[in-house]
Amino acid sequence: MKKTILIFIVFVSNLVIGQRLPILKLTNPINTKYVIKSPLELKKDEICVTLIQGGGMSGYDYYTHYIFTNNQEVTVFKEEIPKQYLKNKNLKRTSKKIDIDKESKLKFLSILNSKANLEFINFSQKDFFKPKKTKTIQPPCMDDAPGYSISYIQNNKQNLYSFYAPEYYYQNKCKNENINRPVLEKFVKLLELWEVIPN
């Protein structure tokens, strides 16, 4: 009986410890040049992860915010934001809180703490391209594909990563020798992990 209780305590302890919020290695102080904001005010160590789908033919950019609090809550907001360059007054910004169940909260906490997610934060936007560019002119590809971004905010710092048509370039449908394919692959896998694009 004592052994069973001990195993249960160890299991619960590991579960709780595994869900603690990580301290992210973010490098950029939040300032006005970043347009991505958390829909809720964050306390110390709390995290907002924002996934954005933009570009394409839609008049909107689509934001999904995941807010991770110190008491192990996960709050999700979805926003539709009119593209800044469009002057259509009929396009309105909308924001909606999404109810999620306990299983989904645990899943998103697991994604946040995953190795793939935490390792990607060590990259910067410039890592999508090779340090030395090729001398040949790279052909332009596509003009209506969606681009994707992911933003991390914690303790008044933010990392932001963006790439236009990442799946298309990753599948080598557009051969651009300047792209750092291993980093792009990690970005695509990260978007799959966060369920922004299908796996």
Protein backbone atom coordinates (compact mmCIF):
# COMPACT_ATOMS: atom_id res chain seq x y z
CA MET A 1 0.00 0.00 0.00
CA LYS A 2 2.80 2.44 0.91
CA LYS A 3 4.52 1.66 -2.37
CA THR A 4 1.33 2.47 -4.32
CA ILE A 5 0.92 5.78 -2.49
CA LEU A 6 4.57 6.66 -3.14
CA ILE A 7 4.20 5.92 -6.86
CA PHE A 8 1.04 8.07 -6.98
CA ILE A 9 2.80 10.99 -5.25
CA VAL A 10 5.77 10.76 -7.63
CA PHE A 11 3.40 10.67 -10.62
CA VAL A 12 1.43 13.73 -9.45
CA SER A 13 4.64 15.62 -8.64
CA ASN A 14 6.05 14.92 -12.10
CA LEU A 15 2.79 16.01 -13.69
CA VAL A 16 2.77 19.32 -11.84
CA ILE A 17 6.49 19.98 -12.39
CA GLY A 18 6.13 19.11 -16.07
CA GLN A 19 3.47 21.81 -16.43
CA ARG A 20 5.42 24.68 -14.92
CA LEU A 21 5.89 27.57 -17.26
CA PRO A 22 9.32 27.59 -18.83
CA ILE A 23 11.46 30.72 -18.76
CA LEU A 24 11.86 31.50 -22.44
CA LYS A 25 15.09 32.87 -23.88
CA LEU A 26 13.52 35.90 -25.51
CA THR A 27 15.76 38.66 -26.77
CA ASN A 28 13.70 41.63 -27.98
CA PRO A 29 12.22 44.19 -25.58
CA ILE A 30 8.60 44.88 -26.43
CA ASN A 31 8.24 48.22 -28.17
CA THR A 32 5.95 49.95 -30.64
CA LYS A 33 7.43 48.35 -33.76
CA TYR A 34 5.84 45.02 -32.81
CA VAL A 35 2.16 44.93 -33.68
CA ILE A 36 1.48 41.64 -31.89
CA LYS A 37 0.18 42.15 -28.38
CA SER A 38 -1.24 39.85 -25.75
CA PRO A 39 -5.01 40.27 -25.40
CA LEU A 40 -4.59 39.98 -21.62
CA GLU A 41 -2.09 41.64 -19.33
CA LEU A 42 0.63 39.17 -18.42
CA LYS A 43 2.06 38.79 -14.92
CA LYS A 44 5.67 37.86 -14.22
CA ASP A 45 6.72 34.70 -16.12
CA GLU A 46 3.32 34.31 -17.81
CA ILE A 47 3.45 33.61 -21.53
CA CYS A 48 1.47 34.59 -24.60
CA VAL A 49 2.07 32.52 -27.74
CA THR A 50 0.42 33.96 -30.84
CA LEU A 51 0.06 32.10 -34.13
CA ILE A 52 -0.76 34.23 -37.17
CA GLN A 53 -1.90 33.33 -40.65
CA GLY A 54 -1.69 36.26 -43.03
CA GLY A 55 -1.29 36.99 -46.70
CA GLY A 56 -3.36 35.16 -49.27
CA MET A 57 -6.57 36.49 -50.78
CA SER A 58 -8.46 37.13 -47.52
CA GLY A 59 -8.98 40.67 -46.26
CA TYR A 60 -8.03 39.50 -42.76
CA ASP A 61 -5.06 38.20 -40.83
CA TYR A 62 -6.03 35.44 -38.40
CA TYR A 63 -4.55 35.40 -34.89
CA THR A 64 -4.77 32.66 -32.27
CA HIS A 65 -3.44 33.66 -28.85
CA TYR A 66 -2.58 31.09 -26.17
CA ILE A 67 -2.10 32.69 -22.76
CA PHE A 68 -0.41 30.53 -20.13
CA THR A 69 -0.77 31.72 -16.53
CA ASN A 70 1.13 30.86 -13.38
CA ASN A 71 -1.84 28.93 -11.98
CA GLN A 72 -1.74 26.49 -14.93
CA GLU A 73 -4.64 28.07 -16.78
CA VAL A 74 -4.64 28.32 -20.56
CA THR A 75 -6.83 30.95 -22.20
CA VAL A 76 -7.35 31.03 -25.96
CA PHE A 77 -8.46 34.00 -28.05
CA LYS A 78 -9.08 34.13 -31.78
CA GLU A 79 -8.92 37.43 -33.65
CA GLU A 80 -9.65 38.50 -37.19
CA ILE A 81 -7.74 41.66 -37.99
CA PRO A 82 -8.26 43.55 -41.28
CA LYS A 83 -5.08 43.87 -43.32
CA GLN A 84 -3.54 47.27 -42.66
CA TYR A 85 -3.16 48.21 -46.30
CA LEU A 86 -6.87 47.71 -47.07
CA LYS A 87 -9.08 50.80 -46.78
CA ASN A 88 -12.38 48.90 -46.64
CA LYS A 89 -14.38 50.30 -43.69
CA ASN A 90 -16.66 47.27 -43.74
CA LEU A 91 -13.86 45.07 -42.45
CA LYS A 92 -13.99 45.07 -38.65
CA ARG A 93 -11.60 43.65 -36.10
CA THR A 94 -13.17 40.87 -34.04
CA SER A 95 -11.93 39.04 -30.95
CA LYS A 96 -13.45 35.96 -29.37
CA LYS A 97 -12.49 33.94 -26.33
CA ILE A 98 -12.53 30.21 -27.07
CA ASP A 99 -13.60 27.75 -24.40
CA ILE A 100 -11.32 24.72 -24.17
CA ASP A 101 -11.56 21.62 -22.02
CA LYS A 102 -9.02 20.34 -19.50
CA GLU A 103 -7.56 17.86 -21.98
CA SER A 104 -6.87 20.66 -24.47
CA LYS A 105 -5.24 22.78 -21.76
CA LEU A 106 -2.89 19.93 -20.89
CA LYS A 107 -2.14 19.44 -24.59
CA PHE A 108 -1.21 23.10 -25.08
CA LEU A 109 0.92 23.09 -21.93
CA SER A 110 2.68 20.02 -23.30
CA ILE A 111 3.30 21.78 -26.64
CA LEU A 112 4.65 24.84 -24.83
CA ASN A 113 7.09 22.68 -22.86
CA SER A 114 8.04 20.46 -25.81
CA LYS A 115 11.63 20.20 -26.96
CA ALA A 116 10.72 21.32 -30.49
CA ASN A 117 9.08 24.49 -29.20
CA LEU A 118 11.76 25.44 -26.67
CA GLU A 119 14.64 24.75 -29.06
CA PHE A 120 13.15 26.88 -31.82
CA ILE A 121 13.22 29.94 -29.57
CA ASN A 122 17.03 29.83 -29.79
CA PHE A 123 16.77 30.91 -33.44
CA SER A 124 16.21 34.42 -34.75
CA GLN A 125 14.39 35.64 -37.83
CA LYS A 126 17.65 35.99 -39.78
CA ASP A 127 18.36 32.27 -39.31
CA PHE A 128 15.78 31.46 -42.00
CA PHE A 129 18.38 32.46 -44.57
CA LYS A 130 21.99 31.44 -45.08
CA PRO A 131 24.67 33.92 -43.97
CA LYS A 132 26.13 34.08 -47.48
CA LYS A 133 23.62 34.67 -50.24
CA THR A 134 24.05 33.05 -53.63
CA LYS A 135 25.25 35.23 -56.47
CA THR A 136 22.46 34.14 -58.77
CA ILE A 137 19.11 35.95 -58.67
CA GLN A 138 16.53 33.76 -56.99
CA PRO A 139 13.20 33.51 -58.83
CA PRO A 140 10.06 34.97 -57.21
CA CYS A 141 7.47 32.35 -56.31
CA MET A 142 3.75 32.54 -55.59
CA ASP A 143 1.77 35.66 -54.86
CA ASP A 144 -1.36 34.57 -52.98
CA ALA A 145 -0.12 31.94 -50.51
CA PRO A 146 -0.54 32.49 -46.78
CA GLY A 147 2.38 33.48 -44.64
CA TYR A 148 2.74 32.39 -41.03
CA SER A 149 4.14 34.00 -37.92
CA ILE A 150 4.64 32.90 -34.35
CA SER A 151 5.20 35.30 -31.48
CA TYR A 152 6.33 34.56 -27.92
CA ILE A 153 5.89 37.15 -25.16
CA GLN A 154 7.16 36.79 -21.60
CA ASN A 155 8.46 39.30 -19.04
CA ASN A 156 8.20 42.26 -21.46
CA LYS A 157 10.29 40.54 -24.13
CA GLN A 158 9.23 39.07 -27.41
CA ASN A 159 10.55 36.85 -30.18
CA LEU A 160 8.76 36.96 -33.53
CA TYR A 161 9.29 34.61 -36.47
CA SER A 162 7.64 34.97 -39.88
CA PHE A 163 7.89 33.16 -43.19
CA TYR A 164 5.88 33.46 -46.37
CA ALA A 165 4.52 30.15 -47.79
CA PRO A 166 6.75 27.95 -45.59
CA GLU A 167 5.23 24.64 -46.73
CA TYR A 168 5.69 25.56 -50.38
CA TYR A 169 9.35 26.45 -49.93
CA TYR A 170 9.99 23.49 -47.64
CA GLN A 171 8.61 21.09 -50.26
CA ASN A 172 11.12 22.69 -52.66
CA LYS A 173 8.42 23.73 -55.11
CA CYS A 174 10.23 27.02 -55.32
CA LYS A 175 13.98 26.56 -55.40
CA ASN A 176 15.59 29.37 -53.44
CA GLU A 177 19.17 28.53 -52.51
CA ASN A 178 19.31 31.32 -49.93
CA ILE A 179 16.86 29.57 -47.60
CA ASN A 180 18.28 27.72 -44.61
CA ARG A 181 16.24 24.55 -45.10
CA PRO A 182 16.95 22.91 -41.70
CA VAL A 183 15.57 25.99 -39.90
CA LEU A 184 12.60 26.20 -42.26
CA GLU A 185 11.89 22.51 -41.59
CA LYS A 186 11.84 23.18 -37.84
CA PHE A 187 9.45 26.10 -38.41
CA VAL A 188 7.07 23.94 -40.48
CA LYS A 189 7.17 21.22 -37.81
CA LEU A 190 6.46 23.86 -35.17
CA LEU A 191 3.41 25.11 -37.07
CA GLU A 192 2.21 21.51 -37.30
CA LEU A 193 2.79 21.04 -33.59
CA TRP A 194 0.67 24.10 -32.78
CA GLU A 195 -1.94 22.80 -35.27
CA VAL A 196 -1.75 25.88 -37.48
CA ILE A 197 -1.14 23.74 -40.55
CA PRO A 198 -2.14 20.08 -40.93
CA ASN A 199 0.40 17.42 -40.08
